Amino acid sequence: MTDSLFVHPDICLQCAGQGRTCCELSDTGDEEFCFPLSDVERERIVAADAAHAQCFVFAPNTPGFVQQLGVLLPEYTVQTAFPESGFHWRLAITQTRQCVFLGPAGCVLDRALRPTYCQLFPLWVLRGQLTWFAAPECLAHAQCLSARNMLTAMHTTQAEVLSLFSTLCAGLHLSKVNA
C-alpha cells in the first residue's frame, strides 16, 4: 500500500482493466447481499434508457440481507424499511456474476445515473464519520491510506460524500434509530 498524493486520475477505470472489481460478485449466492436501490434510482436509470428496465431484480428481504444491511447501517431503521416479509430492487447480474452495467472500461452508466451506493463506493459514512470499505479488489483502497487521498482518488469531497449518503438513506426510507 502507498499513500501518495498522486493517484491515477481514472482509478476506477484502471481498476476495471486489472481484473475483478467491486462490480463483480465473488461467489454464487452473493447476489442476496447486493445493495438495494430506491425507486427514484431505478426510475432515473430507466428514464435515461427504457431498455434498462430489464436490468433490475425484485429480490426478497432475506434474513441474511436484512442482517448485512443492519451491519452497514447500524444507526438506521433497517428492519422497518426492509421487513423480512418484503422485497427490494437491486441491480441484475450476468451469468459471470458481474453487474449488468459493467463494461470493459468500467460502468457504462454516467456517474449521475449510477445508483447512489455505486457513486459512493468505496467511501461510506459510519456513525457520522467518513470511512471506506477495505475491499481487497479496490485499487483506490490499495493506493490510499488517508481520507484526503481517498477523496482525491474518487474525485469527490467529504461534503459530497455526506450528501450522497444522506440521499441514499432518504431514498431507502431509512430513519435514524431513536431520532
N, C-alpha and C. Protein backbone atom coordinates (compact mmCIF):
# COMPACT_ATOMS: atom_id res chain seq x y z
N MET A 1 0.83 -1.18 0.00
CA MET A 1 0.00 0.00 0.00
C MET A 1 0.87 1.24 0.00
N THR A 2 0.40 2.22 -0.74
CA THR A 2 1.08 3.51 -0.74
C THR A 2 0.08 4.57 -0.36
N ASP A 3 0.54 5.73 -0.05
CA ASP A 3 -0.35 6.86 0.21
C ASP A 3 0.27 8.08 -0.43
N SER A 4 0.30 8.05 -1.72
CA SER A 4 0.92 9.11 -2.49
C SER A 4 -0.11 10.18 -2.82
N LEU A 5 0.33 11.40 -2.96
CA LEU A 5 -0.57 12.45 -3.40
C LEU A 5 -0.97 12.23 -4.85
N PHE A 6 -0.17 11.48 -5.61
CA PHE A 6 -0.57 11.17 -6.98
C PHE A 6 -1.32 9.85 -6.98
N VAL A 7 -2.55 9.93 -7.40
CA VAL A 7 -3.37 8.74 -7.59
C VAL A 7 -3.88 8.81 -9.03
N HIS A 8 -3.88 7.70 -9.71
CA HIS A 8 -4.31 7.67 -11.10
C HIS A 8 -5.63 8.42 -11.24
N PRO A 9 -5.74 9.36 -12.19
CA PRO A 9 -6.94 10.19 -12.30
C PRO A 9 -8.21 9.39 -12.63
N ASP A 10 -8.08 8.24 -13.21
CA ASP A 10 -9.23 7.40 -13.51
C ASP A 10 -9.03 6.06 -12.82
N ILE A 11 -8.94 6.11 -11.50
CA ILE A 11 -8.58 4.91 -10.74
C ILE A 11 -9.58 3.78 -10.93
N CYS A 12 -10.87 4.10 -11.06
CA CYS A 12 -11.86 3.03 -11.26
C CYS A 12 -11.70 2.41 -12.66
N LEU A 13 -11.40 3.21 -13.65
CA LEU A 13 -11.14 2.71 -14.99
C LEU A 13 -9.89 1.82 -14.97
N GLN A 14 -8.86 2.27 -14.31
CA GLN A 14 -7.63 1.48 -14.20
C GLN A 14 -7.92 0.17 -13.47
N CYS A 15 -8.70 0.22 -12.42
CA CYS A 15 -9.05 -0.97 -11.66
C CYS A 15 -9.82 -1.96 -12.53
N ALA A 16 -10.77 -1.46 -13.32
CA ALA A 16 -11.58 -2.32 -14.20
C ALA A 16 -10.70 -3.08 -15.19
N GLY A 17 -9.58 -2.47 -15.57
CA GLY A 17 -8.68 -3.12 -16.52
C GLY A 17 -7.77 -4.16 -15.88
N GLN A 18 -7.78 -4.25 -14.55
CA GLN A 18 -6.87 -5.16 -13.87
C GLN A 18 -7.51 -6.47 -13.42
N GLY A 19 -8.79 -6.61 -13.61
CA GLY A 19 -9.42 -7.87 -13.17
C GLY A 19 -10.67 -7.61 -12.36
N ARG A 20 -10.93 -8.46 -11.40
CA ARG A 20 -12.15 -8.39 -10.60
C ARG A 20 -12.30 -7.01 -9.96
N THR A 21 -13.53 -6.48 -10.00
CA THR A 21 -13.81 -5.16 -9.44
C THR A 21 -14.93 -5.26 -8.41
N CYS A 22 -15.29 -4.10 -7.86
CA CYS A 22 -16.39 -4.02 -6.90
C CYS A 22 -17.73 -4.33 -7.57
N CYS A 23 -17.76 -4.36 -8.88
CA CYS A 23 -18.99 -4.61 -9.65
C CYS A 23 -19.17 -6.09 -9.98
N GLU A 24 -18.42 -6.94 -9.33
CA GLU A 24 -18.49 -8.38 -9.57
C GLU A 24 -18.65 -9.11 -8.25
N LEU A 25 -19.45 -10.14 -8.25
CA LEU A 25 -19.63 -10.96 -7.06
C LEU A 25 -18.61 -12.08 -7.07
N SER A 26 -18.12 -12.42 -5.90
CA SER A 26 -17.09 -13.46 -5.84
C SER A 26 -17.66 -14.86 -5.82
N ASP A 27 -18.84 -15.05 -5.25
CA ASP A 27 -19.40 -16.39 -5.12
C ASP A 27 -20.85 -16.43 -5.55
N THR A 28 -21.28 -17.56 -6.06
CA THR A 28 -22.68 -17.78 -6.36
C THR A 28 -23.45 -17.68 -5.05
N GLY A 29 -24.56 -16.98 -5.07
CA GLY A 29 -25.36 -16.78 -3.87
C GLY A 29 -25.13 -15.43 -3.23
N ASP A 30 -24.03 -14.75 -3.58
CA ASP A 30 -23.74 -13.44 -3.01
C ASP A 30 -24.73 -12.37 -3.47
N GLU A 31 -25.48 -12.64 -4.54
CA GLU A 31 -26.44 -11.65 -5.02
C GLU A 31 -27.48 -11.31 -3.95
N GLU A 32 -27.67 -12.20 -3.00
CA GLU A 32 -28.57 -11.93 -1.87
C GLU A 32 -28.15 -10.66 -1.13
N PHE A 33 -26.86 -10.36 -1.15
CA PHE A 33 -26.33 -9.24 -0.38
C PHE A 33 -26.09 -7.98 -1.22
N CYS A 34 -26.53 -7.98 -2.47
CA CYS A 34 -26.40 -6.77 -3.30
C CYS A 34 -27.16 -5.62 -2.65
N PHE A 35 -26.59 -4.44 -2.73
CA PHE A 35 -27.20 -3.28 -2.09
C PHE A 35 -28.52 -2.93 -2.77
N PRO A 36 -29.52 -2.56 -1.99
CA PRO A 36 -30.83 -2.24 -2.57
C PRO A 36 -30.82 -0.89 -3.30
N LEU A 37 -31.77 -0.74 -4.20
CA LEU A 37 -31.97 0.51 -4.93
C LEU A 37 -33.25 1.17 -4.48
N SER A 38 -33.26 2.47 -4.50
CA SER A 38 -34.51 3.19 -4.23
C SER A 38 -35.32 3.22 -5.52
N ASP A 39 -36.60 3.48 -5.38
CA ASP A 39 -37.45 3.62 -6.57
C ASP A 39 -36.97 4.76 -7.45
N VAL A 40 -36.52 5.84 -6.82
CA VAL A 40 -36.03 7.01 -7.57
C VAL A 40 -34.82 6.64 -8.42
N GLU A 41 -33.89 5.87 -7.86
CA GLU A 41 -32.70 5.46 -8.61
C GLU A 41 -33.10 4.62 -9.82
N ARG A 42 -33.96 3.65 -9.58
CA ARG A 42 -34.40 2.76 -10.66
C ARG A 42 -35.11 3.56 -11.75
N GLU A 43 -36.00 4.43 -11.36
CA GLU A 43 -36.75 5.24 -12.33
C GLU A 43 -35.82 6.16 -13.11
N ARG A 44 -34.80 6.72 -12.47
CA ARG A 44 -33.84 7.61 -13.14
C ARG A 44 -33.07 6.85 -14.22
N ILE A 45 -32.66 5.63 -13.92
CA ILE A 45 -31.91 4.82 -14.88
C ILE A 45 -32.79 4.42 -16.06
N VAL A 46 -34.02 4.02 -15.78
CA VAL A 46 -34.95 3.62 -16.84
C VAL A 46 -35.36 4.82 -17.70
N ALA A 47 -35.51 5.99 -17.07
CA ALA A 47 -35.87 7.19 -17.83
C ALA A 47 -34.78 7.56 -18.84
N ALA A 48 -33.53 7.26 -18.52
CA ALA A 48 -32.42 7.54 -19.44
C ALA A 48 -32.42 6.60 -20.63
N ASP A 49 -32.90 5.37 -20.42
CA ASP A 49 -32.95 4.37 -21.49
C ASP A 49 -33.95 3.29 -21.09
N ALA A 50 -35.08 3.25 -21.77
CA ALA A 50 -36.15 2.31 -21.42
C ALA A 50 -35.68 0.85 -21.45
N ALA A 51 -34.67 0.55 -22.26
CA ALA A 51 -34.15 -0.82 -22.33
C ALA A 51 -33.56 -1.26 -20.98
N HIS A 52 -33.19 -0.29 -20.15
CA HIS A 52 -32.62 -0.61 -18.84
C HIS A 52 -33.65 -1.18 -17.87
N ALA A 53 -34.93 -1.15 -18.23
CA ALA A 53 -35.98 -1.68 -17.35
C ALA A 53 -35.74 -3.16 -17.04
N GLN A 54 -35.02 -3.85 -17.90
CA GLN A 54 -34.73 -5.28 -17.70
C GLN A 54 -33.49 -5.52 -16.85
N CYS A 55 -32.89 -4.47 -16.34
CA CYS A 55 -31.62 -4.57 -15.64
C CYS A 55 -31.75 -4.60 -14.11
N PHE A 56 -32.94 -4.93 -13.64
CA PHE A 56 -33.21 -4.92 -12.20
C PHE A 56 -33.87 -6.21 -11.77
N VAL A 57 -33.69 -6.54 -10.52
CA VAL A 57 -34.29 -7.74 -9.92
C VAL A 57 -35.07 -7.30 -8.69
N PHE A 58 -36.29 -7.81 -8.56
CA PHE A 58 -37.11 -7.57 -7.38
C PHE A 58 -36.82 -8.73 -6.43
N ALA A 59 -36.01 -8.48 -5.42
CA ALA A 59 -35.47 -9.55 -4.57
C ALA A 59 -36.11 -9.55 -3.18
N PRO A 60 -36.22 -10.71 -2.57
CA PRO A 60 -36.79 -10.78 -1.22
C PRO A 60 -35.82 -10.25 -0.17
N ASN A 61 -36.39 -9.68 0.87
CA ASN A 61 -35.60 -9.23 2.02
C ASN A 61 -35.33 -10.44 2.90
N THR A 62 -34.31 -11.20 2.55
CA THR A 62 -33.97 -12.40 3.32
C THR A 62 -33.40 -12.01 4.69
N PRO A 63 -33.42 -12.91 5.65
CA PRO A 63 -32.81 -12.60 6.94
C PRO A 63 -31.33 -12.19 6.81
N GLY A 64 -30.58 -12.87 5.93
CA GLY A 64 -29.17 -12.52 5.73
C GLY A 64 -29.00 -11.13 5.14
N PHE A 65 -29.86 -10.77 4.18
CA PHE A 65 -29.81 -9.44 3.58
C PHE A 65 -30.08 -8.36 4.63
N VAL A 66 -31.14 -8.55 5.40
CA VAL A 66 -31.52 -7.56 6.42
C VAL A 66 -30.41 -7.44 7.47
N GLN A 67 -29.84 -8.56 7.88
CA GLN A 67 -28.76 -8.54 8.87
C GLN A 67 -27.54 -7.80 8.32
N GLN A 68 -27.15 -8.08 7.07
CA GLN A 68 -25.98 -7.43 6.48
C GLN A 68 -26.21 -5.93 6.33
N LEU A 69 -27.40 -5.54 5.92
CA LEU A 69 -27.73 -4.12 5.79
C LEU A 69 -27.67 -3.44 7.16
N GLY A 70 -28.10 -4.16 8.19
CA GLY A 70 -28.03 -3.63 9.55
C GLY A 70 -26.60 -3.41 10.02
N VAL A 71 -25.68 -4.26 9.57
CA VAL A 71 -24.26 -4.09 9.90
C VAL A 71 -23.72 -2.83 9.22
N LEU A 72 -24.12 -2.61 7.97
CA LEU A 72 -23.65 -1.43 7.23
C LEU A 72 -24.28 -0.14 7.73
N LEU A 73 -25.48 -0.25 8.25
CA LEU A 73 -26.25 0.93 8.66
C LEU A 73 -26.76 0.77 10.09
N PRO A 74 -25.86 0.64 11.08
CA PRO A 74 -26.29 0.32 12.43
C PRO A 74 -27.14 1.38 13.12
N GLU A 75 -27.08 2.62 12.64
CA GLU A 75 -27.83 3.70 13.27
C GLU A 75 -29.21 3.89 12.64
N TYR A 76 -29.57 3.06 11.69
CA TYR A 76 -30.79 3.30 10.92
C TYR A 76 -31.81 2.18 11.09
N THR A 77 -33.05 2.50 10.75
CA THR A 77 -34.19 1.60 10.93
C THR A 77 -34.29 0.60 9.78
N VAL A 78 -33.27 -0.21 9.64
CA VAL A 78 -33.20 -1.16 8.53
C VAL A 78 -34.36 -2.15 8.57
N GLN A 79 -34.67 -2.71 9.74
CA GLN A 79 -35.72 -3.72 9.81
C GLN A 79 -37.10 -3.14 9.55
N THR A 80 -37.29 -1.86 9.79
CA THR A 80 -38.56 -1.22 9.47
C THR A 80 -38.66 -0.97 7.96
N ALA A 81 -37.59 -0.47 7.37
CA ALA A 81 -37.58 -0.17 5.94
C ALA A 81 -37.54 -1.43 5.08
N PHE A 82 -36.93 -2.49 5.61
CA PHE A 82 -36.78 -3.75 4.87
C PHE A 82 -37.27 -4.93 5.71
N PRO A 83 -38.61 -5.01 5.91
CA PRO A 83 -39.12 -6.13 6.70
C PRO A 83 -38.83 -7.46 6.00
N GLU A 84 -38.58 -8.49 6.78
CA GLU A 84 -38.20 -9.78 6.19
C GLU A 84 -39.28 -10.38 5.30
N SER A 85 -40.50 -9.89 5.38
CA SER A 85 -41.56 -10.38 4.50
C SER A 85 -41.67 -9.56 3.21
N GLY A 86 -40.80 -8.55 3.06
CA GLY A 86 -40.89 -7.66 1.92
C GLY A 86 -39.88 -7.95 0.82
N PHE A 87 -39.81 -7.02 -0.13
CA PHE A 87 -38.93 -7.14 -1.29
C PHE A 87 -38.26 -5.80 -1.53
N HIS A 88 -37.19 -5.82 -2.31
CA HIS A 88 -36.47 -4.61 -2.69
C HIS A 88 -35.93 -4.79 -4.11
N TRP A 89 -35.63 -3.66 -4.75
CA TRP A 89 -34.98 -3.69 -6.07
C TRP A 89 -33.48 -3.73 -5.88
N ARG A 90 -32.80 -4.43 -6.78
CA ARG A 90 -31.34 -4.42 -6.84
C ARG A 90 -30.95 -4.52 -8.31
N LEU A 91 -29.69 -4.24 -8.60
CA LEU A 91 -29.20 -4.39 -9.97
C LEU A 91 -29.09 -5.87 -10.32
N ALA A 92 -29.38 -6.19 -11.57
CA ALA A 92 -29.24 -7.57 -12.05
C ALA A 92 -27.75 -7.86 -12.27
N ILE A 93 -27.44 -9.13 -12.26
CA ILE A 93 -26.07 -9.56 -12.55
C ILE A 93 -26.09 -10.53 -13.73
N THR A 94 -24.97 -10.63 -14.39
CA THR A 94 -24.85 -11.53 -15.54
C THR A 94 -24.53 -12.95 -15.06
N GLN A 95 -24.46 -13.88 -16.00
CA GLN A 95 -24.10 -15.26 -15.65
C GLN A 95 -22.68 -15.36 -15.09
N THR A 96 -21.85 -14.38 -15.41
CA THR A 96 -20.48 -14.38 -14.87
C THR A 96 -20.39 -13.58 -13.57
N ARG A 97 -21.53 -13.27 -12.97
CA ARG A 97 -21.67 -12.59 -11.67
C ARG A 97 -21.18 -11.14 -11.70
N GLN A 98 -21.28 -10.50 -12.86
CA GLN A 98 -20.93 -9.09 -12.97
C GLN A 98 -22.20 -8.25 -13.04
N CYS A 99 -22.12 -7.03 -12.57
CA CYS A 99 -23.23 -6.09 -12.71
C CYS A 99 -23.55 -5.95 -14.19
N VAL A 100 -24.83 -5.86 -14.52
CA VAL A 100 -25.22 -5.74 -15.93
C VAL A 100 -24.71 -4.45 -16.56
N PHE A 101 -24.33 -3.48 -15.76
CA PHE A 101 -23.83 -2.22 -16.29
C PHE A 101 -22.30 -2.15 -16.34
N LEU A 102 -21.62 -3.24 -16.02
CA LEU A 102 -20.16 -3.26 -16.07
C LEU A 102 -19.70 -3.59 -17.48
N GLY A 103 -18.98 -2.65 -18.07
CA GLY A 103 -18.40 -2.86 -19.40
C GLY A 103 -16.90 -3.05 -19.27
N PRO A 104 -16.21 -3.23 -20.39
CA PRO A 104 -14.76 -3.45 -20.36
C PRO A 104 -13.97 -2.29 -19.75
N ALA A 105 -14.54 -1.08 -19.81
CA ALA A 105 -13.86 0.10 -19.28
C ALA A 105 -14.54 0.60 -18.00
N GLY A 106 -15.25 -0.28 -17.30
CA GLY A 106 -15.94 0.14 -16.08
C GLY A 106 -17.43 0.30 -16.30
N CYS A 107 -18.06 1.07 -15.45
CA CYS A 107 -19.52 1.25 -15.51
C CYS A 107 -19.92 2.00 -16.78
N VAL A 108 -20.92 1.49 -17.46
CA VAL A 108 -21.39 2.13 -18.70
C VAL A 108 -22.35 3.28 -18.41
N LEU A 109 -22.83 3.38 -17.18
CA LEU A 109 -23.73 4.48 -16.82
C LEU A 109 -22.92 5.73 -16.50
N ASP A 110 -23.43 6.89 -16.89
CA ASP A 110 -22.82 8.14 -16.48
C ASP A 110 -22.87 8.20 -14.95
N ARG A 111 -21.91 8.85 -14.36
CA ARG A 111 -21.83 8.89 -12.89
C ARG A 111 -23.13 9.38 -12.26
N ALA A 112 -23.77 10.38 -12.84
CA ALA A 112 -25.00 10.93 -12.28
C ALA A 112 -26.17 9.95 -12.35
N LEU A 113 -26.10 8.97 -13.25
CA LEU A 113 -27.16 7.97 -13.36
C LEU A 113 -26.95 6.78 -12.44
N ARG A 114 -25.75 6.57 -12.02
CA ARG A 114 -25.43 5.38 -11.21
C ARG A 114 -26.20 5.40 -9.88
N PRO A 115 -26.51 4.23 -9.37
CA PRO A 115 -27.11 4.18 -8.03
C PRO A 115 -26.21 4.90 -7.03
N THR A 116 -26.81 5.47 -6.02
CA THR A 116 -26.05 6.25 -5.04
C THR A 116 -24.96 5.41 -4.38
N TYR A 117 -25.27 4.17 -4.05
CA TYR A 117 -24.27 3.30 -3.44
C TYR A 117 -23.05 3.18 -4.35
N CYS A 118 -23.27 3.04 -5.64
CA CYS A 118 -22.18 2.92 -6.61
C CYS A 118 -21.38 4.22 -6.70
N GLN A 119 -22.08 5.36 -6.59
CA GLN A 119 -21.37 6.64 -6.61
C GLN A 119 -20.50 6.80 -5.38
N LEU A 120 -20.93 6.23 -4.28
CA LEU A 120 -20.18 6.34 -3.02
C LEU A 120 -19.00 5.38 -2.93
N PHE A 121 -19.17 4.16 -3.40
CA PHE A 121 -18.19 3.10 -3.18
C PHE A 121 -16.80 3.49 -3.70
N PRO A 122 -15.77 3.26 -2.91
CA PRO A 122 -15.67 2.53 -1.66
C PRO A 122 -15.91 3.39 -0.41
N LEU A 123 -16.27 4.66 -0.60
CA LEU A 123 -16.49 5.55 0.54
C LEU A 123 -17.80 5.22 1.24
N TRP A 124 -17.86 5.53 2.52
CA TRP A 124 -19.03 5.23 3.33
C TRP A 124 -19.07 6.17 4.51
N VAL A 125 -20.20 6.24 5.17
CA VAL A 125 -20.33 7.04 6.38
C VAL A 125 -20.82 6.10 7.48
N LEU A 126 -20.09 6.07 8.57
CA LEU A 126 -20.45 5.22 9.70
C LEU A 126 -20.44 6.08 10.96
N ARG A 127 -21.58 6.13 11.62
CA ARG A 127 -21.75 6.94 12.83
C ARG A 127 -21.32 8.40 12.59
N GLY A 128 -21.68 8.90 11.41
CA GLY A 128 -21.41 10.29 11.06
C GLY A 128 -20.01 10.57 10.59
N GLN A 129 -19.15 9.56 10.54
CA GLN A 129 -17.75 9.75 10.15
C GLN A 129 -17.46 9.15 8.78
N LEU A 130 -16.68 9.86 8.00
CA LEU A 130 -16.25 9.36 6.70
C LEU A 130 -15.33 8.16 6.90
N THR A 131 -15.56 7.12 6.14
CA THR A 131 -14.71 5.94 6.16
C THR A 131 -14.77 5.31 4.78
N TRP A 132 -14.16 4.16 4.60
CA TRP A 132 -14.28 3.44 3.34
C TRP A 132 -14.16 1.96 3.58
N PHE A 133 -14.71 1.21 2.64
CA PHE A 133 -14.66 -0.24 2.72
C PHE A 133 -13.25 -0.72 2.38
N ALA A 134 -12.78 -1.69 3.11
CA ALA A 134 -11.46 -2.27 2.89
C ALA A 134 -11.59 -3.45 1.92
N ALA A 135 -12.09 -3.15 0.73
CA ALA A 135 -12.30 -4.19 -0.28
C ALA A 135 -10.96 -4.56 -0.92
N PRO A 136 -10.55 -5.82 -0.83
CA PRO A 136 -9.24 -6.20 -1.35
C PRO A 136 -9.08 -5.97 -2.85
N GLU A 137 -10.18 -6.01 -3.60
CA GLU A 137 -10.09 -5.82 -5.05
C GLU A 137 -10.07 -4.34 -5.45
N CYS A 138 -10.26 -3.43 -4.51
CA CYS A 138 -10.36 -2.00 -4.80
C CYS A 138 -8.97 -1.36 -4.91
N LEU A 139 -8.66 -0.86 -6.07
CA LEU A 139 -7.37 -0.22 -6.30
C LEU A 139 -7.24 1.07 -5.49
N ALA A 140 -8.33 1.82 -5.34
CA ALA A 140 -8.28 3.04 -4.53
C ALA A 140 -7.92 2.69 -3.08
N HIS A 141 -8.51 1.64 -2.57
CA HIS A 141 -8.19 1.20 -1.20
C HIS A 141 -6.71 0.81 -1.10
N ALA A 142 -6.20 0.14 -2.11
CA ALA A 142 -4.80 -0.31 -2.10
C ALA A 142 -3.83 0.87 -2.16
N GLN A 143 -4.23 1.95 -2.82
CA GLN A 143 -3.32 3.06 -3.02
C GLN A 143 -3.47 4.21 -2.01
N CYS A 144 -4.55 4.23 -1.28
CA CYS A 144 -4.82 5.38 -0.41
C CYS A 144 -4.91 4.98 1.05
N LEU A 145 -4.08 5.59 1.88
CA LEU A 145 -4.12 5.32 3.31
C LEU A 145 -4.82 6.43 4.08
N SER A 146 -5.02 7.57 3.45
CA SER A 146 -5.65 8.70 4.15
C SER A 146 -6.98 9.06 3.49
N ALA A 147 -7.85 9.64 4.29
CA ALA A 147 -9.15 10.09 3.77
C ALA A 147 -8.96 11.13 2.67
N ARG A 148 -8.01 12.02 2.87
CA ARG A 148 -7.76 13.07 1.87
C ARG A 148 -7.42 12.47 0.51
N ASN A 149 -6.53 11.49 0.51
CA ASN A 149 -6.14 10.88 -0.76
C ASN A 149 -7.25 10.01 -1.35
N MET A 150 -8.04 9.38 -0.49
CA MET A 150 -9.18 8.60 -0.99
C MET A 150 -10.20 9.52 -1.66
N LEU A 151 -10.48 10.65 -1.04
CA LEU A 151 -11.42 11.61 -1.65
C LEU A 151 -10.88 12.11 -2.99
N THR A 152 -9.59 12.40 -3.05
CA THR A 152 -8.97 12.84 -4.30
C THR A 152 -9.07 11.76 -5.36
N ALA A 153 -8.77 10.53 -4.99
CA ALA A 153 -8.82 9.41 -5.93
C ALA A 153 -10.21 9.21 -6.50
N MET A 154 -11.21 9.46 -5.67
CA MET A 154 -12.59 9.24 -6.09
C MET A 154 -13.23 10.51 -6.67
N HIS A 155 -12.44 11.56 -6.85
CA HIS A 155 -12.92 12.82 -7.43
C HIS A 155 -14.13 13.37 -6.68
N THR A 156 -14.02 13.45 -5.36
CA THR A 156 -15.15 13.92 -4.57
C THR A 156 -14.64 14.68 -3.36
N THR A 157 -15.58 15.15 -2.56
CA THR A 157 -15.27 15.86 -1.32
C THR A 157 -16.03 15.20 -0.17
N GLN A 158 -15.61 15.50 1.03
CA GLN A 158 -16.31 14.96 2.19
C GLN A 158 -17.76 15.45 2.19
N ALA A 159 -17.98 16.70 1.84
CA ALA A 159 -19.35 17.24 1.82
C ALA A 159 -20.22 16.48 0.81
N GLU A 160 -19.65 16.16 -0.36
CA GLU A 160 -20.42 15.42 -1.35
C GLU A 160 -20.73 14.00 -0.86
N VAL A 161 -19.77 13.36 -0.22
CA VAL A 161 -19.99 12.01 0.32
C VAL A 161 -21.11 12.04 1.36
N LEU A 162 -21.06 13.00 2.27
CA LEU A 162 -22.09 13.11 3.30
C LEU A 162 -23.46 13.37 2.67
N SER A 163 -23.48 14.20 1.64
CA SER A 163 -24.74 14.49 0.94
C SER A 163 -25.28 13.25 0.22
N LEU A 164 -24.40 12.53 -0.49
CA LEU A 164 -24.82 11.30 -1.17
C LEU A 164 -25.33 10.27 -0.17
N PHE A 165 -24.64 10.14 0.96
CA PHE A 165 -25.05 9.18 1.97
C PHE A 165 -26.44 9.54 2.52
N SER A 166 -26.67 10.81 2.74
CA SER A 166 -27.98 11.28 3.21
C SER A 166 -29.06 10.98 2.16
N THR A 167 -28.73 11.20 0.89
CA THR A 167 -29.65 10.90 -0.20
C THR A 167 -29.95 9.41 -0.26
N LEU A 168 -28.92 8.59 -0.08
CA LEU A 168 -29.09 7.15 -0.09
C LEU A 168 -30.06 6.72 1.02
N CYS A 169 -29.84 7.19 2.22
CA CYS A 169 -30.69 6.81 3.35
C CYS A 169 -32.12 7.29 3.17
N ALA A 170 -32.28 8.51 2.70
CA ALA A 170 -33.64 9.04 2.47
C ALA A 170 -34.35 8.25 1.38
N GLY A 171 -33.64 7.93 0.30
CA GLY A 171 -34.24 7.19 -0.80
C GLY A 171 -34.69 5.79 -0.41
N LEU A 172 -34.01 5.20 0.56
CA LEU A 172 -34.36 3.86 1.05
C LEU A 172 -35.33 3.92 2.24
N HIS A 173 -35.80 5.13 2.56
CA HIS A 173 -36.75 5.34 3.65
C HIS A 173 -36.18 4.90 5.01
N LEU A 174 -34.90 5.16 5.19
CA LEU A 174 -34.25 4.83 6.45
C LEU A 174 -34.25 6.05 7.37
N SER A 175 -34.60 5.85 8.59
CA SER A 175 -34.54 6.89 9.60
C SER A 175 -33.51 6.51 10.62
N LYS A 176 -32.97 7.49 11.30
CA LYS A 176 -32.03 7.18 12.38
C LYS A 176 -32.83 6.56 13.53
N VAL A 177 -32.23 5.55 14.15
CA VAL A 177 -32.84 4.93 15.31
C VAL A 177 -32.89 5.96 16.44
N ASN A 178 -34.02 6.03 17.12
CA ASN A 178 -34.22 6.97 18.24
C ASN A 178 -34.07 8.42 17.80
N ALA A 179 -34.44 8.71 16.54
CA ALA A 179 -34.34 10.10 16.09
C ALA A 179 -35.64 10.83 16.32
